[in-house]
Amino acid sequence: MTTGKKAENAAQSAKGKAKEAAGRATGNERLEAEGRADQVKGDAKQAGEKLKDTFKH
């Protein structure tokens, strides 16, 4: 996995955690749901990259 992709995926997950926390703190359910969705997307991309690396080696 390239370092750039790894950083992008980690950033997306972190952004999602921040959104979720902000949504929870303000009672904004939509923002909280968007945050969870961002985390799932980042984690899924990370898993996909790891899978690609597994088949490369």
PDB file of N, CA and C in Angstrom:
ATOM      1  N   MET A   1       0.852  -1.160   0.000  1.00  0.00           N
ATOM      2  CA  MET A   1       0.000   0.000   0.000  1.00  0.00           C
ATOM      3  C   MET A   1       0.901   1.226   0.000  1.00  0.00           C
ATOM      4  N   THR A   2       0.562   2.160  -0.838  1.00  0.00           N
ATOM      5  CA  THR A   2       1.353   3.369  -0.861  1.00  0.00           C
ATOM      6  C   THR A   2       1.066   4.202   0.381  1.00  0.00           C
ATOM      7  N   THR A   3       2.049   4.945   0.773  1.00  0.00           N
ATOM      8  CA  THR A   3       1.908   5.768   1.967  1.00  0.00           C
ATOM      9  C   THR A   3       0.825   6.817   1.770  1.00  0.00           C
ATOM     10  N   GLY A   4       0.726   7.354   0.563  1.00  0.00           N
ATOM     11  CA  GLY A   4      -0.288   8.360   0.274  1.00  0.00           C
ATOM     12  C   GLY A   4      -1.696   7.831   0.448  1.00  0.00           C
ATOM     13  N   LYS A   5      -1.954   6.643  -0.073  1.00  0.00           N
ATOM     14  CA  LYS A   5      -3.280   6.036   0.062  1.00  0.00           C
ATOM     15  C   LYS A   5      -3.589   5.733   1.523  1.00  0.00           C
ATOM     16  N   LYS A   6      -2.576   5.246   2.226  1.00  0.00           N
ATOM     17  CA  LYS A   6      -2.769   4.921   3.638  1.00  0.00           C
ATOM     18  C   LYS A   6      -3.141   6.179   4.418  1.00  0.00           C
ATOM     19  N   ALA A   7      -2.462   7.283   4.127  1.00  0.00           N
ATOM     20  CA  ALA A   7      -2.743   8.544   4.808  1.00  0.00           C
ATOM     21  C   ALA A   7      -4.138   9.058   4.457  1.00  0.00           C
ATOM     22  N   GLU A   8      -4.519   8.939   3.182  1.00  0.00           N
ATOM     23  CA  GLU A   8      -5.853   9.383   2.763  1.00  0.00           C
ATOM     24  C   GLU A   8      -6.939   8.601   3.499  1.00  0.00           C
ATOM     25  N   ASN A   9      -6.777   7.289   3.569  1.00  0.00           N
ATOM     26  CA  ASN A   9      -7.770   6.446   4.230  1.00  0.00           C
ATOM     27  C   ASN A   9      -7.845   6.737   5.721  1.00  0.00           C
ATOM     28  N   ALA A  10      -6.700   6.942   6.334  1.00  0.00           N
ATOM     29  CA  ALA A  10      -6.675   7.270   7.764  1.00  0.00           C
ATOM     30  C   ALA A  10      -7.304   8.638   8.013  1.00  0.00           C
ATOM     31  N   ALA A  11      -7.057   9.572   7.100  1.00  0.00           N
ATOM     32  CA  ALA A  11      -7.634  10.910   7.242  1.00  0.00           C
ATOM     33  C   ALA A  11      -9.154  10.857   7.114  1.00  0.00           C
ATOM     34  N   GLN A  12      -9.635  10.032   6.191  1.00  0.00           N
ATOM     35  CA  GLN A  12     -11.084   9.919   6.015  1.00  0.00           C
ATOM     36  C   GLN A  12     -11.720   9.325   7.272  1.00  0.00           C
ATOM     37  N   SER A  13     -11.093   8.335   7.846  1.00  0.00           N
ATOM     38  CA  SER A  13     -11.608   7.739   9.078  1.00  0.00           C
ATOM     39  C   SER A  13     -11.588   8.746  10.222  1.00  0.00           C
ATOM     40  N   ALA A  14     -10.501   9.516  10.327  1.00  0.00           N
ATOM     41  CA  ALA A  14     -10.398  10.518  11.387  1.00  0.00           C
ATOM     42  C   ALA A  14     -11.443  11.617  11.196  1.00  0.00           C
ATOM     43  N   LYS A  15     -11.642  12.020   9.957  1.00  0.00           N
ATOM     44  CA  LYS A  15     -12.654  13.037   9.666  1.00  0.00           C
ATOM     45  C   LYS A  15     -14.027  12.518  10.077  1.00  0.00           C
ATOM     46  N   GLY A  16     -14.275  11.246   9.810  1.00  0.00           N
ATOM     47  CA  GLY A  16     -15.545  10.640  10.184  1.00  0.00           C
ATOM     48  C   GLY A  16     -15.746  10.618  11.690  1.00  0.00           C
ATOM     49  N   LYS A  17     -14.682  10.304  12.418  1.00  0.00           N
ATOM     50  CA  LYS A  17     -14.778  10.285  13.880  1.00  0.00           C
ATOM     51  C   LYS A  17     -15.090  11.675  14.417  1.00  0.00           C
ATOM     52  N   ALA A  18     -14.461  12.694  13.821  1.00  0.00           N
ATOM     53  CA  ALA A  18     -14.706  14.069  14.256  1.00  0.00           C
ATOM     54  C   ALA A  18     -16.140  14.487  13.945  1.00  0.00           C
ATOM     55  N   LYS A  19     -16.611  14.124  12.762  1.00  0.00           N
ATOM     56  CA  LYS A  19     -17.992  14.451  12.384  1.00  0.00           C
ATOM     57  C   LYS A  19     -18.983  13.770  13.317  1.00  0.00           C
ATOM     58  N   GLU A  20     -18.725  12.508  13.592  1.00  0.00           N
ATOM     59  CA  GLU A  20     -19.627  11.765  14.476  1.00  0.00           C
ATOM     60  C   GLU A  20     -19.668  12.401  15.860  1.00  0.00           C
ATOM     61  N   ALA A  21     -18.510  12.761  16.379  1.00  0.00           N
ATOM     62  CA  ALA A  21     -18.448  13.382  17.697  1.00  0.00           C
ATOM     63  C   ALA A  21     -19.159  14.735  17.703  1.00  0.00           C
ATOM     64  N   ALA A  22     -18.961  15.503  16.651  1.00  0.00           N
ATOM     65  CA  ALA A  22     -19.619  16.814  16.561  1.00  0.00           C
ATOM     66  C   ALA A  22     -21.135  16.640  16.481  1.00  0.00           C
ATOM     67  N   GLY A  23     -21.560  15.669  15.697  1.00  0.00           N
ATOM     68  CA  GLY A  23     -22.989  15.404  15.585  1.00  0.00           C
ATOM     69  C   GLY A  23     -23.589  14.961  16.902  1.00  0.00           C
ATOM     70  N   ARG A  24     -22.869  14.117  17.617  1.00  0.00           N
ATOM     71  CA  ARG A  24     -23.352  13.642  18.911  1.00  0.00           C
ATOM     72  C   ARG A  24     -23.419  14.796  19.914  1.00  0.00           C
ATOM     73  N   ALA A  25     -22.410  15.662  19.889  1.00  0.00           N
ATOM     74  CA  ALA A  25     -22.357  16.775  20.833  1.00  0.00           C
ATOM     75  C   ALA A  25     -23.459  17.797  20.585  1.00  0.00           C
ATOM     76  N   THR A  26     -23.821  17.981  19.322  1.00  0.00           N
ATOM     77  CA  THR A  26     -24.829  18.982  18.987  1.00  0.00           C
ATOM     78  C   THR A  26     -26.224  18.388  18.825  1.00  0.00           C
ATOM     79  N   GLY A  27     -26.329  17.080  18.897  1.00  0.00           N
ATOM     80  CA  GLY A  27     -27.621  16.425  18.719  1.00  0.00           C
ATOM     81  C   GLY A  27     -28.052  16.350  17.263  1.00  0.00           C
ATOM     82  N   ASN A  28     -27.093  16.513  16.345  1.00  0.00           N
ATOM     83  CA  ASN A  28     -27.372  16.480  14.916  1.00  0.00           C
ATOM     84  C   ASN A  28     -27.198  15.038  14.421  1.00  0.00           C
ATOM     85  N   GLU A  29     -28.307  14.336  14.271  1.00  0.00           N
ATOM     86  CA  GLU A  29     -28.251  12.926  13.879  1.00  0.00           C
ATOM     87  C   GLU A  29     -27.695  12.740  12.469  1.00  0.00           C
ATOM     88  N   ARG A  30     -27.996  13.679  11.568  1.00  0.00           N
ATOM     89  CA  ARG A  30     -27.503  13.560  10.202  1.00  0.00           C
ATOM     90  C   ARG A  30     -25.980  13.638  10.163  1.00  0.00           C
ATOM     91  N   LEU A  31     -25.406  14.584  10.884  1.00  0.00           N
ATOM     92  CA  LEU A  31     -23.957  14.740  10.933  1.00  0.00           C
ATOM     93  C   LEU A  31     -23.303  13.517  11.568  1.00  0.00           C
ATOM     94  N   GLU A  32     -23.926  12.999  12.594  1.00  0.00           N
ATOM     95  CA  GLU A  32     -23.421  11.802  13.267  1.00  0.00           C
ATOM     96  C   GLU A  32     -23.410  10.614  12.298  1.00  0.00           C
ATOM     97  N   ALA A  33     -24.481  10.458  11.523  1.00  0.00           N
ATOM     98  CA  ALA A  33     -24.567   9.368  10.547  1.00  0.00           C
ATOM     99  C   ALA A  33     -23.537   9.540   9.436  1.00  0.00           C
ATOM    100  N   GLU A  34     -23.337  10.774   8.982  1.00  0.00           N
ATOM    101  CA  GLU A  34     -22.320  11.034   7.957  1.00  0.00           C
ATOM    102  C   GLU A  34     -20.937  10.655   8.476  1.00  0.00           C
ATOM    103  N   GLY A  35     -20.681  10.948   9.731  1.00  0.00           N
ATOM    104  CA  GLY A  35     -19.396  10.608  10.339  1.00  0.00           C
ATOM    105  C   GLY A  35     -19.167   9.108  10.372  1.00  0.00           C
ATOM    106  N   ARG A  36     -20.201   8.374  10.751  1.00  0.00           N
ATOM    107  CA  ARG A  36     -20.071   6.901  10.756  1.00  0.00           C
ATOM    108  C   ARG A  36     -19.840   6.384   9.341  1.00  0.00           C
ATOM    109  N   ALA A  37     -20.537   6.970   8.362  1.00  0.00           N
ATOM    110  CA  ALA A  37     -20.379   6.545   6.967  1.00  0.00           C
ATOM    111  C   ALA A  37     -18.955   6.819   6.478  1.00  0.00           C
ATOM    112  N   ASP A  38     -18.403   7.979   6.824  1.00  0.00           N
ATOM    113  CA  ASP A  38     -17.028   8.298   6.430  1.00  0.00           C
ATOM    114  C   ASP A  38     -16.043   7.305   7.026  1.00  0.00           C
ATOM    115  N   GLN A  39     -16.279   6.921   8.278  1.00  0.00           N
ATOM    116  CA  GLN A  39     -15.392   5.949   8.924  1.00  0.00           C
ATOM    117  C   GLN A  39     -15.442   4.604   8.202  1.00  0.00           C
ATOM    118  N   VAL A  40     -16.644   4.173   7.847  1.00  0.00           N
ATOM    119  CA  VAL A  40     -16.804   2.892   7.164  1.00  0.00           C
ATOM    120  C   VAL A  40     -16.106   2.933   5.802  1.00  0.00           C
ATOM    121  N   LYS A  41     -16.273   4.038   5.078  1.00  0.00           N
ATOM    122  CA  LYS A  41     -15.623   4.170   3.768  1.00  0.00           C
ATOM    123  C   LYS A  41     -14.109   4.108   3.899  1.00  0.00           C
ATOM    124  N   GLY A  42     -13.562   4.840   4.860  1.00  0.00           N
ATOM    125  CA  GLY A  42     -12.119   4.835   5.066  1.00  0.00           C
ATOM    126  C   GLY A  42     -11.600   3.463   5.444  1.00  0.00           C
ATOM    127  N   ASP A  43     -12.321   2.778   6.316  1.00  0.00           N
ATOM    128  CA  ASP A  43     -11.914   1.434   6.735  1.00  0.00           C
ATOM    129  C   ASP A  43     -12.007   0.444   5.566  1.00  0.00           C
ATOM    130  N   ALA A  44     -13.046   0.574   4.740  1.00  0.00           N
ATOM    131  CA  ALA A  44     -13.209  -0.329   3.604  1.00  0.00           C
ATOM    132  C   ALA A  44     -12.100  -0.114   2.579  1.00  0.00           C
ATOM    133  N   LYS A  45     -11.758   1.131   2.328  1.00  0.00           N
ATOM    134  CA  LYS A  45     -10.673   1.426   1.387  1.00  0.00           C
ATOM    135  C   LYS A  45      -9.359   0.861   1.916  1.00  0.00           C
ATOM    136  N   GLN A  46      -9.151   1.002   3.207  1.00  0.00           N
ATOM    137  CA  GLN A  46      -7.931   0.489   3.833  1.00  0.00           C
ATOM    138  C   GLN A  46      -7.853  -1.031   3.661  1.00  0.00           C
ATOM    139  N   ALA A  47      -8.971  -1.700   3.888  1.00  0.00           N
ATOM    140  CA  ALA A  47      -9.004  -3.157   3.739  1.00  0.00           C
ATOM    141  C   ALA A  47      -8.747  -3.557   2.290  1.00  0.00           C
ATOM    142  N   GLY A  48      -9.308  -2.809   1.350  1.00  0.00           N
ATOM    143  CA  GLY A  48      -9.088  -3.096  -0.069  1.00  0.00           C
ATOM    144  C   GLY A  48      -7.630  -2.952  -0.454  1.00  0.00           C
ATOM    145  N   GLU A  49      -6.983  -1.932   0.062  1.00  0.00           N
ATOM    146  CA  GLU A  49      -5.566  -1.723  -0.232  1.00  0.00           C
ATOM    147  C   GLU A  49      -4.716  -2.852   0.364  1.00  0.00           C
ATOM    148  N   LYS A  50      -5.063  -3.280   1.569  1.00  0.00           N
ATOM    149  CA  LYS A  50      -4.319  -4.380   2.196  1.00  0.00           C
ATOM    150  C   LYS A  50      -4.492  -5.666   1.404  1.00  0.00           C
ATOM    151  N   LEU A  51      -5.701  -5.886   0.891  1.00  0.00           N
ATOM    152  CA  LEU A  51      -5.964  -7.072   0.080  1.00  0.00           C
ATOM    153  C   LEU A  51      -5.133  -7.044  -1.193  1.00  0.00           C
ATOM    154  N   LYS A  52      -5.056  -5.883  -1.829  1.00  0.00           N
ATOM    155  CA  LYS A  52      -4.234  -5.741  -3.036  1.00  0.00           C
ATOM    156  C   LYS A  52      -2.784  -6.065  -2.733  1.00  0.00           C
ATOM    157  N   ASP A  53      -2.281  -5.551  -1.599  1.00  0.00           N
ATOM    158  CA  ASP A  53      -0.898  -5.808  -1.206  1.00  0.00           C
ATOM    159  C   ASP A  53      -0.648  -7.295  -0.989  1.00  0.00           C
ATOM    160  N   THR A  54      -1.630  -7.983  -0.430  1.00  0.00           N
ATOM    161  CA  THR A  54      -1.491  -9.404  -0.167  1.00  0.00           C
ATOM    162  C   THR A  54      -1.281 -10.174  -1.479  1.00  0.00           C
ATOM    163  N   PHE A  55      -2.032  -9.810  -2.512  1.00  0.00           N
ATOM    164  CA  PHE A  55      -1.922 -10.524  -3.774  1.00  0.00           C
ATOM    165  C   PHE A  55      -0.706 -10.099  -4.586  1.00  0.00           C
ATOM    166  N   LYS A  56      -0.145  -8.941  -4.294  1.00  0.00           N
ATOM    167  CA  LYS A  56       1.076  -8.495  -4.984  1.00  0.00           C
ATOM    168  C   LYS A  56       2.284  -9.303  -4.536  1.00  0.00           C
ATOM    169  N   HIS A  57       2.265  -9.748  -3.281  1.00  0.00           N
ATOM    170  CA  HIS A  57       3.447 -10.431  -2.725  1.00  0.00           C
ATOM    171  C   HIS A  57       3.257 -11.874  -2.772  1.00  0.00           C
TER     172      HIS A  57
END
